[in-house]
Every structure is written in structure tokens, then in C-alpha cells.
PDB file of N, CA and C in Angstrom:
ATOM      1  N   GLN A   1     134.988 170.829 109.278  1.00  0.00           N
ATOM      2  CA  GLN A   1     134.848 169.554 109.944  1.00  0.00           C
ATOM      3  C   GLN A   1     133.760 169.655 111.006  1.00  0.00           C
ATOM      4  N   VAL A   2     133.225 168.516 111.377  1.00  0.00           N
ATOM      5  CA  VAL A   2     132.106 168.499 112.312  1.00  0.00           C
ATOM      6  C   VAL A   2     132.616 168.524 113.745  1.00  0.00           C
ATOM      7  N   GLN A   3     131.894 169.236 114.616  1.00  0.00           N
ATOM      8  CA  GLN A   3     132.140 169.228 116.048  1.00  0.00           C
ATOM      9  C   GLN A   3     130.963 168.550 116.736  1.00  0.00           C
ATOM     10  N   LEU A   4     131.270 167.773 117.783  1.00  0.00           N
ATOM     11  CA  LEU A   4     130.254 166.956 118.450  1.00  0.00           C
ATOM     12  C   LEU A   4     130.259 167.238 119.949  1.00  0.00           C
ATOM     13  N   VAL A   5     129.067 167.313 120.536  1.00  0.00           N
ATOM     14  CA  VAL A   5     128.955 167.523 121.977  1.00  0.00           C
ATOM     15  C   VAL A   5     127.844 166.633 122.521  1.00  0.00           C
ATOM     16  N   GLU A   6     128.196 165.809 123.518  1.00  0.00           N
ATOM     17  CA  GLU A   6     127.228 164.911 124.126  1.00  0.00           C
ATOM     18  C   GLU A   6     126.522 165.573 125.304  1.00  0.00           C
ATOM     19  N   SER A   7     125.336 165.068 125.617  1.00  0.00           N
ATOM     20  CA  SER A   7     124.606 165.470 126.817  1.00  0.00           C
ATOM     21  C   SER A   7     123.672 164.343 127.217  1.00  0.00           C
ATOM     22  N   GLY A   8     123.161 164.421 128.454  1.00  0.00           N
ATOM     23  CA  GLY A   8     122.170 163.454 128.897  1.00  0.00           C
ATOM     24  C   GLY A   8     122.680 162.378 129.823  1.00  0.00           C
ATOM     25  N   GLY A   9     123.981 162.371 130.092  1.00  0.00           N
ATOM     26  CA  GLY A   9     124.507 161.379 131.015  1.00  0.00           C
ATOM     27  C   GLY A   9     124.061 161.655 132.444  1.00  0.00           C
ATOM     28  N   GLY A  10     124.322 160.689 133.335  1.00  0.00           N
ATOM     29  CA  GLY A  10     123.948 160.871 134.727  1.00  0.00           C
ATOM     30  C   GLY A  10     123.968 159.565 135.480  1.00  0.00           C
ATOM     31  N   LEU A  11     123.336 159.586 136.655  1.00  0.00           N
ATOM     32  CA  LEU A  11     123.260 158.427 137.534  1.00  0.00           C
ATOM     33  C   LEU A  11     121.859 157.836 137.457  1.00  0.00           C
ATOM     34  N   VAL A  12     121.779 156.525 137.283  1.00  0.00           N
ATOM     35  CA  VAL A  12     120.488 155.848 137.191  1.00  0.00           C
ATOM     36  C   VAL A  12     120.600 154.491 137.863  1.00  0.00           C
ATOM     37  N   GLN A  13     119.503 154.000 138.393  1.00  0.00           N
ATOM     38  CA  GLN A  13     119.504 152.668 139.000  1.00  0.00           C
ATOM     39  C   GLN A  13     119.416 151.595 137.930  1.00  0.00           C
ATOM     40  N   ALA A  14     119.913 150.431 138.257  1.00  0.00           N
ATOM     41  CA  ALA A  14     119.822 149.290 137.349  1.00  0.00           C
ATOM     42  C   ALA A  14     118.361 149.049 136.973  1.00  0.00           C
ATOM     43  N   GLY A  15     118.146 148.780 135.682  1.00  0.00           N
ATOM     44  CA  GLY A  15     116.803 148.605 135.157  1.00  0.00           C
ATOM     45  C   GLY A  15     116.189 149.874 134.623  1.00  0.00           C
ATOM     46  N   GLY A  16     116.811 150.990 134.902  1.00  0.00           N
ATOM     47  CA  GLY A  16     116.303 152.275 134.461  1.00  0.00           C
ATOM     48  C   GLY A  16     116.709 152.623 133.047  1.00  0.00           C
ATOM     49  N   SER A  17     116.371 153.858 132.646  1.00  0.00           N
ATOM     50  CA  SER A  17     116.622 154.323 131.278  1.00  0.00           C
ATOM     51  C   SER A  17     117.271 155.693 131.296  1.00  0.00           C
ATOM     52  N   LEU A  18     118.024 155.966 130.243  1.00  0.00           N
ATOM     53  CA  LEU A  18     118.594 157.277 129.973  1.00  0.00           C
ATOM     54  C   LEU A  18     118.582 157.492 128.472  1.00  0.00           C
ATOM     55  N   ARG A  19     118.509 158.757 128.051  1.00  0.00           N
ATOM     56  CA  ARG A  19     118.669 159.079 126.643  1.00  0.00           C
ATOM     57  C   ARG A  19     119.819 160.063 126.495  1.00  0.00           C
ATOM     58  N   LEU A  20     120.815 159.639 125.738  1.00  0.00           N
ATOM     59  CA  LEU A  20     121.944 160.511 125.418  1.00  0.00           C
ATOM     60  C   LEU A  20     121.664 161.246 124.110  1.00  0.00           C
ATOM     61  N   SER A  21     122.157 162.465 124.040  1.00  0.00           N
ATOM     62  CA  SER A  21     122.065 163.260 122.815  1.00  0.00           C
ATOM     63  C   SER A  21     123.462 163.659 122.370  1.00  0.00           C
ATOM     64  N   CYS A  22     123.610 163.820 121.075  1.00  0.00           N
ATOM     65  CA  CYS A  22     124.868 164.306 120.497  1.00  0.00           C
ATOM     66  C   CYS A  22     124.517 165.390 119.497  1.00  0.00           C
ATOM     67  N   ALA A  23     124.882 166.616 119.819  1.00  0.00           N
ATOM     68  CA  ALA A  23     124.620 167.742 118.944  1.00  0.00           C
ATOM     69  C   ALA A  23     125.831 167.990 118.052  1.00  0.00           C
ATOM     70  N   ALA A  24     125.588 168.118 116.750  1.00  0.00           N
ATOM     71  CA  ALA A  24     126.654 168.323 115.784  1.00  0.00           C
ATOM     72  C   ALA A  24     126.599 169.735 115.206  1.00  0.00           C
ATOM     73  N   SER A  25     127.775 170.273 114.902  1.00  0.00           N
ATOM     74  CA  SER A  25     127.862 171.583 114.258  1.00  0.00           C
ATOM     75  C   SER A  25     129.090 171.614 113.364  1.00  0.00           C
ATOM     76  N   GLY A  26     129.133 172.573 112.434  1.00  0.00           N
ATOM     77  CA  GLY A  26     130.304 172.770 111.616  1.00  0.00           C
ATOM     78  C   GLY A  26     130.370 171.925 110.367  1.00  0.00           C
ATOM     79  N   GLY A  27     129.342 171.160 110.097  1.00  0.00           N
ATOM     80  CA  GLY A  27     129.332 170.339 108.896  1.00  0.00           C
ATOM     81  C   GLY A  27     127.914 170.041 108.486  1.00  0.00           C
ATOM     82  N   THR A  28     127.743 169.393 107.350  1.00  0.00           N
ATOM     83  CA  THR A  28     126.413 168.994 106.893  1.00  0.00           C
ATOM     84  C   THR A  28     126.093 167.655 107.546  1.00  0.00           C
ATOM     85  N   PHE A  29     125.353 167.696 108.628  1.00  0.00           N
ATOM     86  CA  PHE A  29     125.146 166.526 109.481  1.00  0.00           C
ATOM     87  C   PHE A  29     124.623 165.336 108.691  1.00  0.00           C
ATOM     88  N   THR A  30     123.771 165.604 107.723  1.00  0.00           N
ATOM     89  CA  THR A  30     123.155 164.540 106.933  1.00  0.00           C
ATOM     90  C   THR A  30     124.208 163.657 106.264  1.00  0.00           C
ATOM     91  N   TRP A  31     125.381 164.202 105.975  1.00  0.00           N
ATOM     92  CA  TRP A  31     126.412 163.472 105.244  1.00  0.00           C
ATOM     93  C   TRP A  31     127.246 162.540 106.120  1.00  0.00           C
ATOM     94  N   TYR A  32     127.101 162.636 107.433  1.00  0.00           N
ATOM     95  CA  TYR A  32     127.992 161.910 108.340  1.00  0.00           C
ATOM     96  C   TYR A  32     127.330 160.669 108.920  1.00  0.00           C
ATOM     97  N   THR A  33     128.037 159.536 108.831  1.00  0.00           N
ATOM     98  CA  THR A  33     127.688 158.382 109.649  1.00  0.00           C
ATOM     99  C   THR A  33     128.178 158.670 111.067  1.00  0.00           C
ATOM    100  N   VAL A  34     127.320 158.444 112.046  1.00  0.00           N
ATOM    101  CA  VAL A  34     127.632 158.786 113.430  1.00  0.00           C
ATOM    102  C   VAL A  34     127.327 157.607 114.345  1.00  0.00           C
ATOM    103  N   GLY A  35     127.877 157.681 115.546  1.00  0.00           N
ATOM    104  CA  GLY A  35     127.636 156.577 116.466  1.00  0.00           C
ATOM    105  C   GLY A  35     128.146 156.864 117.863  1.00  0.00           C
ATOM    106  N   TRP A  36     128.120 155.818 118.687  1.00  0.00           N
ATOM    107  CA  TRP A  36     128.492 155.917 120.096  1.00  0.00           C
ATOM    108  C   TRP A  36     129.527 154.863 120.459  1.00  0.00           C
ATOM    109  N   PHE A  37     130.457 155.266 121.293  1.00  0.00           N
ATOM    110  CA  PHE A  37     131.434 154.386 121.910  1.00  0.00           C
ATOM    111  C   PHE A  37     131.357 154.605 123.417  1.00  0.00           C
ATOM    112  N   ARG A  38     131.956 153.694 124.178  1.00  0.00           N
ATOM    113  CA  ARG A  38     132.043 153.885 125.620  1.00  0.00           C
ATOM    114  C   ARG A  38     133.375 153.347 126.133  1.00  0.00           C
ATOM    115  N   GLN A  39     133.785 153.916 127.267  1.00  0.00           N
ATOM    116  CA  GLN A  39     135.084 153.554 127.821  1.00  0.00           C
ATOM    117  C   GLN A  39     135.033 153.597 129.336  1.00  0.00           C
ATOM    118  N   VAL A  40     135.616 152.565 129.952  1.00  0.00           N
ATOM    119  CA  VAL A  40     135.798 152.547 131.403  1.00  0.00           C
ATOM    120  C   VAL A  40     137.285 152.700 131.679  1.00  0.00           C
ATOM    121  N   PRO A  41     137.644 153.199 132.839  1.00  0.00           N
ATOM    122  CA  PRO A  41     139.064 153.428 133.134  1.00  0.00           C
ATOM    123  C   PRO A  41     139.893 152.162 132.993  1.00  0.00           C
ATOM    124  N   GLY A  42     141.029 152.307 132.316  1.00  0.00           N
ATOM    125  CA  GLY A  42     141.943 151.190 132.157  1.00  0.00           C
ATOM    126  C   GLY A  42     141.616 150.250 131.023  1.00  0.00           C
ATOM    127  N   LYS A  43     140.531 150.543 130.287  1.00  0.00           N
ATOM    128  CA  LYS A  43     140.146 149.668 129.178  1.00  0.00           C
ATOM    129  C   LYS A  43     140.050 150.469 127.886  1.00  0.00           C
ATOM    130  N   GLU A  44     140.001 149.742 126.776  1.00  0.00           N
ATOM    131  CA  GLU A  44     139.882 150.392 125.479  1.00  0.00           C
ATOM    132  C   GLU A  44     138.476 150.965 125.299  1.00  0.00           C
ATOM    133  N   ARG A  45     138.402 151.911 124.380  1.00  0.00           N
ATOM    134  CA  ARG A  45     137.115 152.486 124.018  1.00  0.00           C
ATOM    135  C   ARG A  45     136.391 151.488 123.109  1.00  0.00           C
ATOM    136  N   ASP A  46     135.163 151.122 123.465  1.00  0.00           N
ATOM    137  CA  ASP A  46     134.424 150.086 122.750  1.00  0.00           C
ATOM    138  C   ASP A  46     133.271 150.670 121.939  1.00  0.00           C
ATOM    139  N   PHE A  47     133.052 150.095 120.781  1.00  0.00           N
ATOM    140  CA  PHE A  47     131.924 150.463 119.933  1.00  0.00           C
ATOM    141  C   PHE A  47     130.606 150.070 120.609  1.00  0.00           C
ATOM    142  N   VAL A  48     129.612 150.947 120.515  1.00  0.00           N
ATOM    143  CA  VAL A  48     128.289 150.677 121.072  1.00  0.00           C
ATOM    144  C   VAL A  48     127.237 150.588 119.964  1.00  0.00           C
ATOM    145  N   ALA A  49     127.146 151.627 119.128  1.00  0.00           N
ATOM    146  CA  ALA A  49     126.106 151.662 118.095  1.00  0.00           C
ATOM    147  C   ALA A  49     126.477 152.683 117.036  1.00  0.00           C
ATOM    148  N   ALA A  50     125.921 152.508 115.829  1.00  0.00           N
ATOM    149  CA  ALA A  50     126.157 153.440 114.731  1.00  0.00           C
ATOM    150  C   ALA A  50     124.906 153.551 113.872  1.00  0.00           C
ATOM    151  N   ILE A  51     124.787 154.689 113.205  1.00  0.00           N
ATOM    152  CA  ILE A  51     123.690 154.910 112.257  1.00  0.00           C
ATOM    153  C   ILE A  51     124.266 155.622 111.043  1.00  0.00           C
ATOM    154  N   SER A  52     123.942 155.130 109.869  1.00  0.00           N
ATOM    155  CA  SER A  52     124.580 155.607 108.642  1.00  0.00           C
ATOM    156  C   SER A  52     124.010 156.944 108.196  1.00  0.00           C
ATOM    157  N   TRP A  53     124.744 157.565 107.247  1.00  0.00           N
ATOM    158  CA  TRP A  53     124.341 158.871 106.742  1.00  0.00           C
ATOM    159  C   TRP A  53     123.200 158.764 105.746  1.00  0.00           C
ATOM    160  N   ARG A  54     122.982 157.598 105.169  1.00  0.00           N
ATOM    161  CA  ARG A  54     121.941 157.423 104.163  1.00  0.00           C
ATOM    162  C   ARG A  54     121.127 156.186 104.506  1.00  0.00           C
ATOM    163  N   VAL A  55     119.907 156.197 104.304  1.00  0.00           N
ATOM    164  CA  VAL A  55     118.926 155.125 104.570  1.00  0.00           C
ATOM    165  C   VAL A  55     118.985 154.617 106.012  1.00  0.00           C
ATOM    166  N   GLU A  56     119.792 155.289 106.830  1.00  0.00           N
ATOM    167  CA  GLU A  56     119.828 155.055 108.274  1.00  0.00           C
ATOM    168  C   GLU A  56     119.983 153.584 108.636  1.00  0.00           C
ATOM    169  N   ILE A  57     121.006 152.977 108.072  1.00  0.00           N
ATOM    170  CA  ILE A  57     121.404 151.633 108.489  1.00  0.00           C
ATOM    171  C   ILE A  57     121.965 151.722 109.898  1.00  0.00           C
ATOM    172  N   THR A  58     121.591 150.786 110.767  1.00  0.00           N
ATOM    173  CA  THR A  58     122.078 150.786 112.146  1.00  0.00           C
ATOM    174  C   THR A  58     122.886 149.530 112.438  1.00  0.00           C
ATOM    175  N   SER A  59     123.747 149.660 113.446  1.00  0.00           N
ATOM    176  CA  SER A  59     124.568 148.538 113.903  1.00  0.00           C
ATOM    177  C   SER A  59     124.762 148.679 115.399  1.00  0.00           C
ATOM    178  N   TYR A  60     124.775 147.534 116.100  1.00  0.00           N
ATOM    179  CA  TYR A  60     124.898 147.544 117.554  1.00  0.00           C
ATOM    180  C   TYR A  60     125.910 146.511 118.018  1.00  0.00           C
ATOM    181  N   ALA A  61     126.563 146.818 119.125  1.00  0.00           N
ATOM    182  CA  ALA A  61     127.363 145.808 119.806  1.00  0.00           C
ATOM    183  C   ALA A  61     126.422 144.764 120.393  1.00  0.00           C
ATOM    184  N   ASP A  62     126.890 143.529 120.447  1.00  0.00           N
ATOM    185  CA  ASP A  62     126.041 142.453 120.971  1.00  0.00           C
ATOM    186  C   ASP A  62     125.574 142.741 122.395  1.00  0.00           C
ATOM    187  N   SER A  63     126.410 143.406 123.167  1.00  0.00           N
ATOM    188  CA  SER A  63     126.105 143.636 124.577  1.00  0.00           C
ATOM    189  C   SER A  63     124.938 144.588 124.801  1.00  0.00           C
ATOM    190  N   VAL A  64     124.551 145.340 123.765  1.00  0.00           N
ATOM    191  CA  VAL A  64     123.464 146.312 123.938  1.00  0.00           C
ATOM    192  C   VAL A  64     122.263 146.041 123.043  1.00  0.00           C
ATOM    193  N   LYS A  65     122.361 145.048 122.180  1.00  0.00           N
ATOM    194  CA  LYS A  65     121.247 144.740 121.274  1.00  0.00           C
ATOM    195  C   LYS A  65     119.983 144.427 122.065  1.00  0.00           C
ATOM    196  N   GLY A  66     118.877 145.014 121.623  1.00  0.00           N
ATOM    197  CA  GLY A  66     117.606 144.797 122.294  1.00  0.00           C
ATOM    198  C   GLY A  66     117.367 145.726 123.464  1.00  0.00           C
ATOM    199  N   ARG A  67     118.391 146.454 123.911  1.00  0.00           N
ATOM    200  CA  ARG A  67     118.251 147.374 125.037  1.00  0.00           C
ATOM    201  C   ARG A  67     118.471 148.834 124.622  1.00  0.00           C
ATOM    202  N   PHE A  68     119.392 149.054 123.693  1.00  0.00           N
ATOM    203  CA  PHE A  68     119.734 150.406 123.243  1.00  0.00           C
ATOM    204  C   PHE A  68     119.192 150.625 121.834  1.00  0.00           C
ATOM    205  N   THR A  69     118.799 151.863 121.563  1.00  0.00           N
ATOM    206  CA  THR A  69     118.333 152.235 120.228  1.00  0.00           C
ATOM    207  C   THR A  69     118.990 153.540 119.811  1.00  0.00           C
ATOM    208  N   ILE A  70     119.626 153.512 118.637  1.00  0.00           N
ATOM    209  CA  ILE A  70     120.248 154.713 118.097  1.00  0.00           C
ATOM    210  C   ILE A  70     119.323 155.328 117.061  1.00  0.00           C
ATOM    211  N   SER A  71     119.279 156.653 117.033  1.00  0.00           N
ATOM    212  CA  SER A  71     118.452 157.354 116.051  1.00  0.00           C
ATOM    213  C   SER A  71     119.078 158.715 115.759  1.00  0.00           C
ATOM    214  N   ARG A  72     118.580 159.372 114.729  1.00  0.00           N
ATOM    215  CA  ARG A  72     119.085 160.698 114.388  1.00  0.00           C
ATOM    216  C   ARG A  72     117.954 161.570 113.885  1.00  0.00           C
ATOM    217  N   ASP A  73     118.081 162.868 114.134  1.00  0.00           N
ATOM    218  CA  ASP A  73     117.146 163.869 113.629  1.00  0.00           C
ATOM    219  C   ASP A  73     117.982 164.858 112.829  1.00  0.00           C
ATOM    220  N   ASN A  74     118.017 164.677 111.520  1.00  0.00           N
ATOM    221  CA  ASN A  74     118.876 165.510 110.677  1.00  0.00           C
ATOM    222  C   ASN A  74     118.441 166.974 110.694  1.00  0.00           C
ATOM    223  N   ALA A  75     117.161 167.228 110.890  1.00  0.00           N
ATOM    224  CA  ALA A  75     116.685 168.613 110.941  1.00  0.00           C
ATOM    225  C   ALA A  75     117.235 169.349 112.158  1.00  0.00           C
ATOM    226  N   LYS A  76     117.546 168.596 113.224  1.00  0.00           N
ATOM    227  CA  LYS A  76     118.080 169.198 114.451  1.00  0.00           C
ATOM    228  C   LYS A  76     119.576 168.974 114.597  1.00  0.00           C
ATOM    229  N   ASN A  77     120.211 168.347 113.600  1.00  0.00           N
ATOM    230  CA  ASN A  77     121.648 168.040 113.664  1.00  0.00           C
ATOM    231  C   ASN A  77     121.995 167.289 114.949  1.00  0.00           C
ATOM    232  N   THR A  78     121.176 166.331 115.316  1.00  0.00           N
ATOM    233  CA  THR A  78     121.325 165.647 116.586  1.00  0.00           C
ATOM    234  C   THR A  78     121.132 164.144 116.417  1.00  0.00           C
ATOM    235  N   MET A  79     121.935 163.410 117.179  1.00  0.00           N
ATOM    236  CA  MET A  79     121.821 161.960 117.247  1.00  0.00           C
ATOM    237  C   MET A  79     121.472 161.588 118.677  1.00  0.00           C
ATOM    238  N   TYR A  80     120.787 160.450 118.835  1.00  0.00           N
ATOM    239  CA  TYR A  80     120.349 160.027 120.149  1.00  0.00           C
ATOM    240  C   TYR A  80     120.733 158.571 120.418  1.00  0.00           C
ATOM    241  N   LEU A  81     120.859 158.248 121.704  1.00  0.00           N
ATOM    242  CA  LEU A  81     121.010 156.863 122.121  1.00  0.00           C
ATOM    243  C   LEU A  81     120.041 156.637 123.270  1.00  0.00           C
ATOM    244  N   GLN A  82     118.958 155.924 122.999  1.00  0.00           N
ATOM    245  CA  GLN A  82     118.011 155.557 124.042  1.00  0.00           C
ATOM    246  C   GLN A  82     118.500 154.276 124.689  1.00  0.00           C
ATOM    247  N   MET A  83     118.740 154.340 125.999  1.00  0.00           N
ATOM    248  CA  MET A  83     119.285 153.201 126.727  1.00  0.00           C
ATOM    249  C   MET A  83     118.258 152.728 127.753  1.00  0.00           C
ATOM    250  N   ASN A  84     117.780 151.521 127.559  1.00  0.00           N
ATOM    251  CA  ASN A  84     116.788 150.925 128.459  1.00  0.00           C
ATOM    252  C   ASN A  84     117.379 149.709 129.161  1.00  0.00           C
ATOM    253  N   SER A  85     116.722 149.282 130.223  1.00  0.00           N
ATOM    254  CA  SER A  85     117.159 148.099 130.981  1.00  0.00           C
ATOM    255  C   SER A  85     118.643 148.187 131.309  1.00  0.00           C
ATOM    256  N   LEU A  86     119.053 149.326 131.808  1.00  0.00           N
ATOM    257  CA  LEU A  86     120.471 149.551 132.078  1.00  0.00           C
ATOM    258  C   LEU A  86     120.996 148.629 133.161  1.00  0.00           C
ATOM    259  N   LYS A  87     122.264 148.240 132.995  1.00  0.00           N
ATOM    260  CA  LYS A  87     122.955 147.341 133.911  1.00  0.00           C
ATOM    261  C   LYS A  87     124.176 148.051 134.483  1.00  0.00           C
ATOM    262  N   PRO A  88     124.639 147.639 135.649  1.00  0.00           N
ATOM    263  CA  PRO A  88     125.857 148.257 136.194  1.00  0.00           C
ATOM    264  C   PRO A  88     127.037 148.198 135.225  1.00  0.00           C
ATOM    265  N   GLU A  89     127.112 147.150 134.430  1.00  0.00           N
ATOM    266  CA  GLU A  89     128.224 147.039 133.477  1.00  0.00           C
ATOM    267  C   GLU A  89     128.116 148.021 132.313  1.00  0.00           C
ATOM    268  N   ASP A  90     127.014 148.739 132.212  1.00  0.00           N
ATOM    269  CA  ASP A  90     126.908 149.809 131.212  1.00  0.00           C
ATOM    270  C   ASP A  90     127.572 151.102 131.693  1.00  0.00           C
ATOM    271  N   THR A  91     128.006 151.123 132.929  1.00  0.00           N
ATOM    272  CA  THR A  91     128.676 152.303 133.472  1.00  0.00           C
ATOM    273  C   THR A  91     129.949 152.596 132.689  1.00  0.00           C
ATOM    274  N   ALA A  92     130.064 153.812 132.179  1.00  0.00           N
ATOM    275  CA  ALA A  92     131.210 154.202 131.351  1.00  0.00           C
ATOM    276  C   ALA A  92     131.076 155.672 130.978  1.00  0.00           C
ATOM    277  N   VAL A  93     132.122 156.208 130.391  1.00  0.00           N
ATOM    278  CA  VAL A  93     132.025 157.479 129.681  1.00  0.00           C
ATOM    279  C   VAL A  93     131.598 157.155 128.253  1.00  0.00           C
ATOM    280  N   TYR A  94     130.538 157.804 127.821  1.00  0.00           N
ATOM    281  CA  TYR A  94     129.995 157.578 126.478  1.00  0.00           C
ATOM    282  C   TYR A  94     130.429 158.713 125.555  1.00  0.00           C
ATOM    283  N   TYR A  95     130.964 158.327 124.398  1.00  0.00           N
ATOM    284  CA  TYR A  95     131.478 159.287 123.418  1.00  0.00           C
ATOM    285  C   TYR A  95     130.671 159.208 122.134  1.00  0.00           C
ATOM    286  N   CYS A  96     130.362 160.364 121.599  1.00  0.00           N
ATOM    287  CA  CYS A  96     129.776 160.499 120.277  1.00  0.00           C
ATOM    288  C   CYS A  96     130.920 160.512 119.255  1.00  0.00           C
ATOM    289  N   ALA A  97     130.712 159.888 118.096  1.00  0.00           N
ATOM    290  CA  ALA A  97     131.762 159.818 117.092  1.00  0.00           C
ATOM    291  C   ALA A  97     131.171 159.957 115.699  1.00  0.00           C
ATOM    292  N   ALA A  98     132.030 160.346 114.745  1.00  0.00           N
ATOM    293  CA  ALA A  98     131.600 160.496 113.356  1.00  0.00           C
ATOM    294  C   ALA A  98     132.735 160.136 112.417  1.00  0.00           C
ATOM    295  N   THR A  99     132.363 159.671 111.233  1.00  0.00           N
ATOM    296  CA  THR A  99     133.332 159.418 110.177  1.00  0.00           C
ATOM    297  C   THR A  99     133.519 160.688 109.354  1.00  0.00           C
ATOM    298  N   ASP A 100     134.365 160.622 108.363  1.00  0.00           N
ATOM    299  CA  ASP A 100     134.374 161.626 107.311  1.00  0.00           C
ATOM    300  C   ASP A 100     133.036 161.563 106.571  1.00  0.00           C
ATOM    301  N   PRO A 101     132.673 162.611 105.837  1.00  0.00           N
ATOM    302  CA  PRO A 101     131.417 162.570 105.079  1.00  0.00           C
ATOM    303  C   PRO A 101     131.314 161.331 104.193  1.00  0.00           C
ATOM    304  N   PHE A 102     130.107 160.740 104.171  1.00  0.00           N
ATOM    305  CA  PHE A 102     129.780 159.581 103.343  1.00  0.00           C
ATOM    306  C   PHE A 102     130.487 158.315 103.804  1.00  0.00           C
ATOM    307  N   GLY A 103     130.954 158.282 105.029  1.00  0.00           N
ATOM    308  CA  GLY A 103     131.588 157.080 105.546  1.00  0.00           C
ATOM    309  C   GLY A 103     130.574 155.994 105.841  1.00  0.00           C
ATOM    310  N   THR A 104     131.084 154.762 106.030  1.00  0.00           N
ATOM    311  CA  THR A 104     130.216 153.623 106.263  1.00  0.00           C
ATOM    312  C   THR A 104     130.080 153.337 107.758  1.00  0.00           C
ATOM    313  N   VAL A 105     129.112 152.484 108.071  1.00  0.00           N
ATOM    314  CA  VAL A 105     128.956 152.031 109.452  1.00  0.00           C
ATOM    315  C   VAL A 105     130.190 151.257 109.891  1.00  0.00           C
ATOM    316  N   LEU A 106     130.766 150.466 108.981  1.00  0.00           N
ATOM    317  CA  LEU A 106     131.980 149.721 109.297  1.00  0.00           C
ATOM    318  C   LEU A 106     133.117 150.676 109.640  1.00  0.00           C
ATOM    319  N   ALA A 107     133.265 151.734 108.861  1.00  0.00           N
ATOM    320  CA  ALA A 107     134.310 152.720 109.138  1.00  0.00           C
ATOM    321  C   ALA A 107     134.090 153.384 110.490  1.00  0.00           C
ATOM    322  N   LEU A 108     132.864 153.688 110.811  1.00  0.00           N
ATOM    323  CA  LEU A 108     132.577 154.298 112.100  1.00  0.00           C
ATOM    324  C   LEU A 108     132.932 153.359 113.240  1.00  0.00           C
ATOM    325  N   SER A 109     132.592 152.104 113.111  1.00  0.00           N
ATOM    326  CA  SER A 109     132.818 151.151 114.198  1.00  0.00           C
ATOM    327  C   SER A 109     134.294 150.834 114.400  1.00  0.00           C
ATOM    328  N   SER A 110     135.092 150.998 113.357  1.00  0.00           N
ATOM    329  CA  SER A 110     136.496 150.613 113.462  1.00  0.00           C
ATOM    330  C   SER A 110     137.450 151.790 113.620  1.00  0.00           C
ATOM    331  N   ALA A 111     137.145 152.920 112.964  1.00  0.00           N
ATOM    332  CA  ALA A 111     138.091 154.035 112.995  1.00  0.00           C
ATOM    333  C   ALA A 111     137.386 155.369 112.778  1.00  0.00           C
ATOM    334  N   PRO A 112     136.601 155.809 113.753  1.00  0.00           N
ATOM    335  CA  PRO A 112     135.972 157.116 113.593  1.00  0.00           C
ATOM    336  C   PRO A 112     137.001 158.236 113.586  1.00  0.00           C
ATOM    337  N   LYS A 113     136.640 159.353 112.954  1.00  0.00           N
ATOM    338  CA  LYS A 113     137.593 160.446 112.828  1.00  0.00           C
ATOM    339  C   LYS A 113     137.334 161.563 113.822  1.00  0.00           C
ATOM    340  N   TYR A 114     136.085 161.792 114.163  1.00  0.00           N
ATOM    341  CA  TYR A 114     135.723 162.916 115.036  1.00  0.00           C
ATOM    342  C   TYR A 114     135.095 162.387 116.311  1.00  0.00           C
ATOM    343  N   TRP A 115     135.416 163.080 117.422  1.00  0.00           N
ATOM    344  CA  TRP A 115     134.937 162.654 118.729  1.00  0.00           C
ATOM    345  C   TRP A 115     134.364 163.832 119.509  1.00  0.00           C
ATOM    346  N   GLY A 116     133.369 163.537 120.351  1.00  0.00           N
ATOM    347  CA  GLY A 116     132.934 164.489 121.343  1.00  0.00           C
ATOM    348  C   GLY A 116     133.753 164.313 122.608  1.00  0.00           C
ATOM    349  N   PRO A 117     133.573 165.208 123.589  1.00  0.00           N
ATOM    350  CA  PRO A 117     134.346 165.141 124.830  1.00  0.00           C
ATOM    351  C   PRO A 117     133.888 164.048 125.783  1.00  0.00           C
ATOM    352  N   GLY A 118     132.685 163.511 125.599  1.00  0.00           N
ATOM    353  CA  GLY A 118     132.202 162.422 126.433  1.00  0.00           C
ATOM    354  C   GLY A 118     131.244 162.867 127.519  1.00  0.00           C
ATOM    355  N   THR A 119     130.401 161.916 127.947  1.00  0.00           N
ATOM    356  CA  THR A 119     129.472 162.157 129.048  1.00  0.00           C
ATOM    357  C   THR A 119     129.410 160.896 129.910  1.00  0.00           C
ATOM    358  N   GLN A 120     129.436 161.090 131.223  1.00  0.00           N
ATOM    359  CA  GLN A 120     129.486 159.964 132.150  1.00  0.00           C
ATOM    360  C   GLN A 120     128.096 159.372 132.361  1.00  0.00           C
ATOM    361  N   VAL A 121     128.028 158.054 132.273  1.00  0.00           N
ATOM    362  CA  VAL A 121     126.816 157.307 132.628  1.00  0.00           C
ATOM    363  C   VAL A 121     127.188 156.344 133.753  1.00  0.00           C
ATOM    364  N   THR A 122     126.461 156.431 134.857  1.00  0.00           N
ATOM    365  CA  THR A 122     126.708 155.557 135.997  1.00  0.00           C
ATOM    366  C   THR A 122     125.418 154.833 136.350  1.00  0.00           C
ATOM    367  N   VAL A 123     125.499 153.503 136.371  1.00  0.00           N
ATOM    368  CA  VAL A 123     124.339 152.671 136.688  1.00  0.00           C
ATOM    369  C   VAL A 123     124.604 151.996 138.031  1.00  0.00           C
ATOM    370  N   SER A 124     123.802 152.293 139.006  1.00  0.00           N
ATOM    371  CA  SER A 124     123.985 151.721 140.339  1.00  0.00           C
ATOM    372  C   SER A 124     123.174 150.430 140.482  1.00  0.00           C
ATOM    373  N   SER A 125     123.718 149.524 141.282  1.00  0.00           N
ATOM    374  CA  SER A 125     123.051 148.224 141.452  1.00  0.00           C
ATOM    375  C   SER A 125     122.082 148.251 142.627  1.00  0.00           C
TER     376      SER A 125
END
């Protein structure tokens, strides 16, 4: 099974940018649809973005469309989330997630199987 570890979180001012990375190991990364979720204390974990295992179909939550870009580098077993024009409401713990091999973007957005430990993103106003 795949193991996931996030990096790149931190503190940034509103309007700034951050790039999160998710390094995968223990599986054939190319076969996994992967994505990002985020969670604030006391609330559910929300879908942010996903990228498929084949032809790299992408999907985004409405709240981040036009500001965030998801990508993957299969040669490096790594996925990225470029976050631009950050807002205070983007403050959350960001989690990397994956489906079972050959899963769909829909499956990732609704019921991912594998999770990373998370990385904190804080956007100050």
C-alpha cells in the first residue's frame, strides 16, 4: 500500500503563495489517483483538489478554482498543490490522500483510502 507524507506548509500573508508537496512511497505512484483535503478544528475534512492516475484529469473545489493548481511528477513519486492568492479562510491542516490503484477522481473526492499526516497552512490577514 502507498504511504504519503506532506511538506511545504507554513505561515503566509493574505495574497501570498505556497506550494505543498506530497511524497509517495510503497506503491506504484503512477497507478494512484491522488489529491488534497483540508480541515479546520471542529469541522469536517473538505475536498480541495484531485488529479487522476491516467491522462491527469483534475478536479477542484469551487472555493479554490482559479487560485490553486494540482499537479504530479510520476518520475519523482510526488504530487504538488500550488496555492496562489491565499486568503485567511484557506487556513487549515492540509492532507494528501489517495485511492486504491486505478481509482477515479470521484472516488478520491468522496472516499479516499490512504492519508498523509497533514501539514499546517496559516494565512494571516
